[in-house]
Amino acid sequence: MNTRAPISYRPSIKRDELESLITKKLRYKAVNRFIDEAVKEKLNRELVVTSDPEMTRMIGKLTEVIYEYKGWNFLKPSKEVRDRIREKARLIESGKIKTTRWKGSIDKTFGEKE
């Protein structure tokens, strides 16, 4: 018997919606089972995959392929751009600017269509 205290979890979406998605769409028997597997998967990804140099190299190559496929080109920012970013971050950290967590999509934001 497991006598450890449970860890509370408050999902960011409505409980009924979460349960419906997990049990009906993903076909899990219980939400707890899904959460347990999701936590294990995340821990594995964060602890094992990122500490393996071969896996890190493969992830880098896959990232390059995805960037090429999507037509993305990331450049090193200039000194002026870095200074503007740092200034905005300083204002946010100081509390002078109020921020809102963004839950959107880049494609929706910029109107990019497939």
C-alpha atoms as a PDB file:
ATOM      1  CA  MET A   1       0.000   0.000   0.000  1.00  0.00           C
ATOM      2  CA  ASN A   2       1.249   3.475  -0.897  1.00  0.00           C
ATOM      3  CA  THR A   3       1.119   5.734   2.196  1.00  0.00           C
ATOM      4  CA  ARG A   4       2.792   8.768   0.661  1.00  0.00           C
ATOM      5  CA  ALA A   5       0.795  11.983   0.494  1.00  0.00           C
ATOM      6  CA  PRO A   6      -0.526  12.818  -2.978  1.00  0.00           C
ATOM      7  CA  ILE A   7       0.874  15.732  -4.956  1.00  0.00           C
ATOM      8  CA  SER A   8      -1.813  18.245  -5.845  1.00  0.00           C
ATOM      9  CA  TYR A   9      -2.174  19.291  -9.464  1.00  0.00           C
ATOM     10  CA  ARG A  10      -4.335  22.122 -10.755  1.00  0.00           C
ATOM     11  CA  PRO A  11      -4.658  21.969 -14.538  1.00  0.00           C
ATOM     12  CA  SER A  12      -4.722  25.145 -16.602  1.00  0.00           C
ATOM     13  CA  ILE A  13      -7.820  23.907 -18.450  1.00  0.00           C
ATOM     14  CA  LYS A  14     -11.209  22.952 -17.000  1.00  0.00           C
ATOM     15  CA  ARG A  15     -11.218  19.649 -15.152  1.00  0.00           C
ATOM     16  CA  ASP A  16     -14.127  18.193 -17.169  1.00  0.00           C
ATOM     17  CA  GLU A  17     -12.425  19.102 -20.437  1.00  0.00           C
ATOM     18  CA  LEU A  18      -9.139  17.549 -19.274  1.00  0.00           C
ATOM     19  CA  GLU A  19     -10.837  14.325 -18.183  1.00  0.00           C
ATOM     20  CA  SER A  20     -12.753  14.109 -21.445  1.00  0.00           C
ATOM     21  CA  LEU A  21      -9.632  14.595 -23.561  1.00  0.00           C
ATOM     22  CA  ILE A  22      -7.607  12.045 -21.594  1.00  0.00           C
ATOM     23  CA  THR A  23     -10.236   9.322 -21.252  1.00  0.00           C
ATOM     24  CA  LYS A  24     -12.068   9.681 -24.557  1.00  0.00           C
ATOM     25  CA  LYS A  25      -9.563  11.034 -27.073  1.00  0.00           C
ATOM     26  CA  LEU A  26      -6.400   9.459 -25.672  1.00  0.00           C
ATOM     27  CA  ARG A  27      -8.237   6.394 -24.308  1.00  0.00           C
ATOM     28  CA  TYR A  28      -6.588   6.310 -20.880  1.00  0.00           C
ATOM     29  CA  LYS A  29      -8.598   4.612 -18.140  1.00  0.00           C
ATOM     30  CA  ALA A  30      -7.777   7.303 -15.577  1.00  0.00           C
ATOM     31  CA  VAL A  31      -6.396  10.830 -15.495  1.00  0.00           C
ATOM     32  CA  ASN A  32      -3.849   9.858 -12.811  1.00  0.00           C
ATOM     33  CA  ARG A  33      -2.328   7.269 -15.127  1.00  0.00           C
ATOM     34  CA  PHE A  34      -1.913   9.867 -17.881  1.00  0.00           C
ATOM     35  CA  ILE A  35      -0.364  12.441 -15.511  1.00  0.00           C
ATOM     36  CA  ASP A  36       2.049   9.840 -14.124  1.00  0.00           C
ATOM     37  CA  GLU A  37       3.199   8.835 -17.623  1.00  0.00           C
ATOM     38  CA  ALA A  38       3.478  12.472 -18.726  1.00  0.00           C
ATOM     39  CA  VAL A  39       5.673  13.317 -15.727  1.00  0.00           C
ATOM     40  CA  LYS A  40       7.905  10.281 -16.359  1.00  0.00           C
ATOM     41  CA  GLU A  41       8.241  11.215 -20.029  1.00  0.00           C
ATOM     42  CA  LYS A  42       9.147  14.811 -19.201  1.00  0.00           C
ATOM     43  CA  LEU A  43      11.707  13.740 -16.581  1.00  0.00           C
ATOM     44  CA  ASN A  44      13.247  11.305 -19.034  1.00  0.00           C
ATOM     45  CA  ARG A  45      13.467  13.959 -21.715  1.00  0.00           C
ATOM     46  CA  GLU A  46      14.950  16.568 -19.375  1.00  0.00           C
ATOM     47  CA  LEU A  47      17.367  14.331 -17.466  1.00  0.00           C
ATOM     48  CA  VAL A  48      18.394  11.571 -19.864  1.00  0.00           C
ATOM     49  CA  VAL A  49      18.097  12.953 -23.362  1.00  0.00           C
ATOM     50  CA  THR A  50      19.765  16.287 -22.627  1.00  0.00           C
ATOM     51  CA  SER A  51      22.707  14.631 -20.854  1.00  0.00           C
ATOM     52  CA  ASP A  52      23.501  12.302 -23.774  1.00  0.00           C
ATOM     53  CA  PRO A  53      25.897  14.061 -26.211  1.00  0.00           C
ATOM     54  CA  GLU A  54      24.853  11.825 -29.129  1.00  0.00           C
ATOM     55  CA  MET A  55      21.179  12.627 -28.519  1.00  0.00           C
ATOM     56  CA  THR A  56      21.980  16.332 -28.251  1.00  0.00           C
ATOM     57  CA  ARG A  57      23.786  16.151 -31.617  1.00  0.00           C
ATOM     58  CA  MET A  58      20.820  14.357 -33.222  1.00  0.00           C
ATOM     59  CA  ILE A  59      18.359  16.905 -31.817  1.00  0.00           C
ATOM     60  CA  GLY A  60      20.521  19.678 -33.271  1.00  0.00           C
ATOM     61  CA  LYS A  61      20.456  18.066 -36.712  1.00  0.00           C
ATOM     62  CA  LEU A  62      16.680  17.549 -36.547  1.00  0.00           C
ATOM     63  CA  THR A  63      16.238  21.174 -35.531  1.00  0.00           C
ATOM     64  CA  GLU A  64      18.252  22.307 -38.571  1.00  0.00           C
ATOM     65  CA  VAL A  65      16.116  20.152 -40.881  1.00  0.00           C
ATOM     66  CA  ILE A  66      12.907  21.608 -39.428  1.00  0.00           C
ATOM     67  CA  TYR A  67      14.219  25.167 -39.788  1.00  0.00           C
ATOM     68  CA  GLU A  68      15.137  24.487 -43.406  1.00  0.00           C
ATOM     69  CA  TYR A  69      11.738  22.895 -44.130  1.00  0.00           C
ATOM     70  CA  LYS A  70       9.823  25.823 -42.592  1.00  0.00           C
ATOM     71  CA  GLY A  71      12.097  28.367 -44.290  1.00  0.00           C
ATOM     72  CA  TRP A  72      13.254  29.822 -40.971  1.00  0.00           C
ATOM     73  CA  ASN A  73      16.557  31.604 -40.722  1.00  0.00           C
ATOM     74  CA  PHE A  74      17.758  32.681 -37.286  1.00  0.00           C
ATOM     75  CA  LEU A  75      20.536  35.238 -37.166  1.00  0.00           C
ATOM     76  CA  LYS A  76      22.634  36.409 -34.244  1.00  0.00           C
ATOM     77  CA  PRO A  77      21.101  39.687 -33.035  1.00  0.00           C
ATOM     78  CA  SER A  78      23.075  42.888 -33.412  1.00  0.00           C
ATOM     79  CA  LYS A  79      24.337  44.824 -30.386  1.00  0.00           C
ATOM     80  CA  GLU A  80      21.458  47.307 -30.731  1.00  0.00           C
ATOM     81  CA  VAL A  81      18.863  44.510 -30.763  1.00  0.00           C
ATOM     82  CA  ARG A  82      20.473  42.831 -27.735  1.00  0.00           C
ATOM     83  CA  ASP A  83      20.435  46.149 -25.862  1.00  0.00           C
ATOM     84  CA  ARG A  84      16.713  46.672 -26.650  1.00  0.00           C
ATOM     85  CA  ILE A  85      15.906  43.136 -25.464  1.00  0.00           C
ATOM     86  CA  ARG A  86      17.850  43.650 -22.240  1.00  0.00           C
ATOM     87  CA  GLU A  87      16.118  46.995 -21.607  1.00  0.00           C
ATOM     88  CA  LYS A  88      12.651  45.448 -22.069  1.00  0.00           C
ATOM     89  CA  ALA A  89      13.590  42.527 -19.823  1.00  0.00           C
ATOM     90  CA  ARG A  90      14.874  44.954 -17.163  1.00  0.00           C
ATOM     91  CA  LEU A  91      11.571  46.871 -17.221  1.00  0.00           C
ATOM     92  CA  ILE A  92       9.585  43.639 -16.920  1.00  0.00           C
ATOM     93  CA  GLU A  93      11.742  42.356 -14.060  1.00  0.00           C
ATOM     94  CA  SER A  94      11.425  45.661 -12.210  1.00  0.00           C
ATOM     95  CA  GLY A  95       7.624  45.477 -12.467  1.00  0.00           C
ATOM     96  CA  LYS A  96       7.284  48.730 -14.413  1.00  0.00           C
ATOM     97  CA  ILE A  97       5.680  46.844 -17.317  1.00  0.00           C
ATOM     98  CA  LYS A  98       2.872  44.377 -16.768  1.00  0.00           C
ATOM     99  CA  THR A  99       3.058  41.211 -18.859  1.00  0.00           C
ATOM    100  CA  THR A 100       0.555  38.565 -19.858  1.00  0.00           C
ATOM    101  CA  ARG A 101       1.354  34.952 -20.516  1.00  0.00           C
ATOM    102  CA  TRP A 102       0.955  34.207 -24.216  1.00  0.00           C
ATOM    103  CA  LYS A 103      -0.905  31.000 -25.086  1.00  0.00           C
ATOM    104  CA  GLY A 104      -1.208  31.561 -28.804  1.00  0.00           C
ATOM    105  CA  SER A 105       0.424  30.271 -31.926  1.00  0.00           C
ATOM    106  CA  ILE A 106       3.077  31.987 -34.026  1.00  0.00           C
ATOM    107  CA  ASP A 107       1.213  30.963 -37.182  1.00  0.00           C
ATOM    108  CA  LYS A 108      -2.034  32.521 -35.884  1.00  0.00           C
ATOM    109  CA  THR A 109      -0.271  35.659 -34.673  1.00  0.00           C
ATOM    110  CA  PHE A 110       1.455  36.429 -37.946  1.00  0.00           C
ATOM    111  CA  GLY A 111      -1.304  35.079 -40.183  1.00  0.00           C
ATOM    112  CA  GLU A 112       0.954  32.468 -41.772  1.00  0.00           C
ATOM    113  CA  LYS A 113      -1.004  29.848 -43.720  1.00  0.00           C
ATOM    114  CA  GLU A 114       0.122  26.457 -44.982  1.00  0.00           C
END
